[in-house]
Amino acid sequence: MKLIEENIFLKTTSLPQTSSKANYLIVFCHGYGADGKDLINIGNYWQRFSNICSVNPGGFEWFDLMSHDEKKINLELENSILKLTDFINAKLKELNLDYSKLFLVGFSQGTMMSLHYALTNSNKIAGVVGYSGKIYDPAYLEQNIKSKPSVFLMHGDDDNIVPLEEMMEAKNFLLQNKFNLKTKIFKGCGHSIPVEGLSLGLEFININKK
């Protein structure tokens, strides 16, 4: 299947629609060191089961977590969120969809981006699927929650890049703030997405379709 590459607000890789009308938009946010093609095969797999338009922003990092300059990290995060927001707004308008038809799927740093965008956006989206990630700056987020979409976090218990404890902290944060939350821990899984995780992610999306 031929991929569609665009470079408007973000460098993106998209799957072509399977019909003339997309009922939902799923945006995949890649992890640190990856690019727009890193997660697009998930969309290819999921697209066989529902009429969706899958888009994966491309790039190598959303913000520099290796930096020791917190101000620099926050500025980069804010800039990336603005670009992601502009991109999503344009894509929803193009497809004639509202925010209730939008899902975000993130891996690692992409999960941080997806959660940050979804929680600070006053327009409630359909849901967030986060693999091997965490919440960045929970103190800031707690003061800036504007909507509470359904969230599904999945993580391997053998992840040495983003330790499982990070997901547990995110879980506690979301539960304390009364989010509709689901979690799954994969035994013996490292910093990756197992096949079971793909099936569970799609199941979550289908359940949360409006």
Protein backbone atom coordinates (compact mmCIF):
# COMPACT_ATOMS: atom_id res chain seq x y z
CA MET A 1 0.00 0.00 0.00
CA LYS A 2 1.40 3.39 -0.99
CA LEU A 3 1.96 5.80 1.89
CA ILE A 4 1.12 9.48 1.63
CA GLU A 5 3.77 11.90 2.90
CA GLU A 6 2.98 15.53 3.73
CA ASN A 7 4.92 18.39 5.26
CA ILE A 8 2.52 21.15 6.26
CA PHE A 9 2.57 21.75 10.02
CA LEU A 10 4.47 18.51 10.65
CA LYS A 11 6.23 16.00 8.43
CA THR A 12 3.69 13.18 8.33
CA THR A 13 3.08 9.76 6.86
CA SER A 14 -0.52 8.76 6.15
CA LEU A 15 -2.43 5.71 5.00
CA PRO A 16 -4.90 6.32 2.17
CA GLN A 17 -8.55 6.07 3.14
CA THR A 18 -10.32 2.82 2.34
CA SER A 19 -13.53 4.63 1.36
CA SER A 20 -14.66 8.11 0.35
CA LYS A 21 -15.59 9.06 3.92
CA ALA A 22 -13.47 8.61 7.05
CA ASN A 23 -15.53 8.22 10.21
CA TYR A 24 -12.58 8.61 12.59
CA LEU A 25 -9.08 10.06 12.64
CA ILE A 26 -6.30 8.21 14.44
CA VAL A 27 -3.05 10.12 14.91
CA PHE A 28 0.03 8.09 15.85
CA CYS A 29 2.80 9.91 17.73
CA HIS A 30 6.17 8.17 17.47
CA GLY A 31 8.82 7.80 20.14
CA TYR A 32 12.27 9.34 20.58
CA GLY A 33 14.64 8.49 17.73
CA ALA A 34 11.86 7.24 15.44
CA ASP A 35 10.14 8.78 12.44
CA GLY A 36 6.72 8.92 10.83
CA LYS A 37 6.94 5.41 9.41
CA ASP A 38 7.73 3.80 12.75
CA LEU A 39 4.11 3.25 13.82
CA ILE A 40 2.26 3.43 10.52
CA ASN A 41 2.12 -0.37 10.21
CA ILE A 42 -0.17 -0.38 13.24
CA GLY A 43 -2.56 1.82 11.30
CA ASN A 44 -2.26 -0.53 8.34
CA TYR A 45 -3.20 -3.44 10.61
CA TRP A 46 -6.09 -1.59 12.25
CA GLN A 47 -7.41 -0.16 9.00
CA ARG A 48 -8.47 -3.63 7.92
CA PHE A 49 -11.05 -3.65 10.69
CA SER A 50 -12.62 -0.19 10.54
CA ASN A 51 -12.96 2.87 8.33
CA ILE A 52 -10.30 5.19 9.70
CA CYS A 53 -7.78 7.68 8.41
CA SER A 54 -4.43 7.02 10.08
CA VAL A 55 -1.73 9.66 10.21
CA ASN A 56 1.70 9.47 11.84
CA PRO A 57 3.65 12.72 12.35
CA GLY A 58 7.28 12.27 11.37
CA GLY A 59 10.45 13.46 13.03
CA PHE A 60 13.10 12.26 15.43
CA GLU A 61 12.09 13.81 18.74
CA TRP A 62 9.26 15.96 20.03
CA PHE A 63 11.40 17.55 22.73
CA ASP A 64 14.86 16.91 24.14
CA LEU A 65 14.46 14.82 27.28
CA MET A 66 18.25 14.41 27.42
CA SER A 67 18.63 18.11 28.17
CA HIS A 68 19.20 19.24 31.75
CA ASP A 69 17.62 22.61 30.94
CA GLU A 70 14.00 22.35 32.10
CA LYS A 71 13.09 25.67 30.48
CA LYS A 72 14.43 24.43 27.12
CA ILE A 73 12.46 21.18 27.41
CA ASN A 74 9.25 23.02 28.24
CA LEU A 75 9.67 25.42 25.32
CA GLU A 76 10.27 22.53 22.92
CA LEU A 77 7.28 20.66 24.30
CA GLU A 78 5.07 23.73 23.94
CA ASN A 79 6.27 24.25 20.36
CA SER A 80 5.61 20.61 19.46
CA ILE A 81 2.14 20.73 21.03
CA LEU A 82 1.31 23.84 19.00
CA LYS A 83 2.42 22.15 15.78
CA LEU A 84 0.50 18.99 16.63
CA THR A 85 -2.59 21.08 17.43
CA ASP A 86 -2.40 22.96 14.12
CA PHE A 87 -1.95 19.69 12.25
CA ILE A 88 -4.87 17.97 13.98
CA ASN A 89 -7.16 20.98 13.48
CA ALA A 90 -6.35 21.05 9.78
CA LYS A 91 -6.84 17.29 9.39
CA LEU A 92 -10.17 17.27 11.22
CA LYS A 93 -11.38 20.14 9.04
CA GLU A 94 -10.21 18.35 5.90
CA LEU A 95 -12.10 15.19 6.90
CA ASN A 96 -15.12 17.10 8.25
CA LEU A 97 -14.78 15.43 11.66
CA ASP A 98 -15.06 16.82 15.19
CA TYR A 99 -12.86 16.07 18.19
CA SER A 100 -15.13 13.28 19.41
CA LYS A 101 -13.93 11.28 16.38
CA LEU A 102 -10.23 11.70 17.19
CA PHE A 103 -7.99 9.11 18.83
CA LEU A 104 -4.32 9.60 19.69
CA VAL A 105 -1.95 6.64 19.85
CA GLY A 106 1.53 7.15 21.26
CA PHE A 107 4.66 5.12 21.84
CA SER A 108 7.22 6.21 24.45
CA GLN A 109 7.74 9.97 24.01
CA GLY A 110 4.72 9.91 21.70
CA THR A 111 2.62 8.80 24.68
CA MET A 112 3.84 11.83 26.63
CA MET A 113 2.82 14.06 23.72
CA SER A 114 -0.56 12.39 23.30
CA LEU A 115 -1.44 12.69 26.98
CA HIS A 116 -0.22 16.28 27.22
CA TYR A 117 -2.23 17.30 24.15
CA ALA A 118 -5.40 15.45 25.16
CA LEU A 119 -5.49 16.63 28.77
CA THR A 120 -4.78 20.30 28.01
CA ASN A 121 -7.19 20.53 25.08
CA SER A 122 -10.62 21.91 25.97
CA ASN A 123 -12.07 19.85 23.11
CA LYS A 124 -12.54 16.34 24.50
CA ILE A 125 -11.22 13.68 22.13
CA ALA A 126 -12.44 10.08 21.91
CA GLY A 127 -9.46 8.50 23.60
CA VAL A 128 -5.73 7.97 24.04
CA VAL A 129 -3.82 4.70 23.66
CA GLY A 130 -0.36 4.94 25.19
CA TYR A 131 2.37 2.32 24.84
CA SER A 132 5.55 2.34 26.95
CA GLY A 133 5.19 5.94 28.04
CA LYS A 134 4.62 8.24 30.99
CA ILE A 135 3.22 11.62 31.95
CA TYR A 136 5.62 14.53 31.60
CA ASP A 137 5.36 17.26 34.26
CA PRO A 138 2.32 16.00 36.21
CA ALA A 139 2.39 19.09 38.47
CA TYR A 140 1.76 21.31 35.44
CA LEU A 141 -0.87 19.00 34.00
CA GLU A 142 -2.79 18.80 37.26
CA GLN A 143 -3.31 22.56 37.11
CA ASN A 144 -4.19 22.56 33.41
CA ILE A 145 -6.57 19.64 32.84
CA LYS A 146 -9.25 20.86 30.43
CA SER A 147 -10.81 17.58 29.36
CA LYS A 148 -10.83 13.94 30.44
CA PRO A 149 -10.83 11.49 27.53
CA SER A 150 -10.71 7.73 28.06
CA VAL A 151 -7.13 6.47 28.36
CA PHE A 152 -5.55 3.04 27.89
CA LEU A 153 -1.93 2.66 29.02
CA MET A 154 0.11 -0.46 28.19
CA HIS A 155 3.65 -1.26 29.31
CA GLY A 156 6.16 -4.09 29.49
CA ASP A 157 7.44 -5.09 32.91
CA ASP A 158 10.95 -5.50 31.45
CA ASP A 159 11.16 -2.00 29.92
CA ASN A 160 14.61 -0.54 30.67
CA ILE A 161 14.04 2.66 28.66
CA VAL A 162 10.86 3.90 30.32
CA PRO A 163 10.55 1.79 33.49
CA LEU A 164 7.18 0.33 34.46
CA GLU A 165 7.16 2.59 37.52
CA GLU A 166 6.62 5.55 35.17
CA MET A 167 3.37 4.03 33.91
CA MET A 168 2.28 3.31 37.47
CA GLU A 169 2.84 6.97 38.35
CA ALA A 170 0.77 7.99 35.32
CA LYS A 171 -1.92 5.51 36.39
CA ASN A 172 -2.08 7.01 39.88
CA PHE A 173 -2.22 10.53 38.47
CA LEU A 174 -5.09 9.73 36.10
CA LEU A 175 -7.09 7.81 38.70
CA GLN A 176 -6.66 10.58 41.27
CA ASN A 177 -8.04 12.99 38.68
CA LYS A 178 -10.99 10.68 37.94
CA PHE A 179 -10.17 9.65 34.38
CA ASN A 180 -11.76 6.63 32.74
CA LEU A 181 -8.57 4.56 32.68
CA LYS A 182 -7.56 1.09 31.59
CA THR A 183 -4.05 -0.39 31.97
CA LYS A 184 -2.26 -3.53 30.85
CA ILE A 185 1.16 -4.87 31.87
CA PHE A 186 2.91 -7.34 29.56
CA LYS A 187 5.09 -9.92 31.28
CA GLY A 188 8.63 -10.25 29.91
CA CYS A 189 8.14 -7.39 27.44
CA GLY A 190 10.69 -4.62 26.98
CA HIS A 191 10.37 -1.22 25.31
CA SER A 192 8.16 -2.43 22.48
CA ILE A 193 4.57 -3.15 21.44
CA PRO A 194 3.60 -6.85 21.52
CA VAL A 195 1.00 -8.26 19.12
CA GLU A 196 -1.48 -8.55 21.99
CA GLY A 197 -1.07 -4.82 22.55
CA LEU A 198 -2.16 -4.10 18.99
CA SER A 199 -5.34 -6.13 19.40
CA LEU A 200 -6.13 -4.55 22.76
CA GLY A 201 -5.55 -1.06 21.38
CA LEU A 202 -7.97 -1.65 18.51
CA GLU A 203 -10.53 -3.14 20.89
CA PHE A 204 -10.29 -0.03 23.10
CA ILE A 205 -10.82 2.23 20.09
CA ASN A 206 -13.86 0.28 18.92
CA ILE A 207 -15.39 0.39 22.41
CA ASN A 208 -14.88 4.16 22.65
CA LYS A 209 -16.24 5.09 19.25
CA LYS A 210 -19.11 7.53 19.49
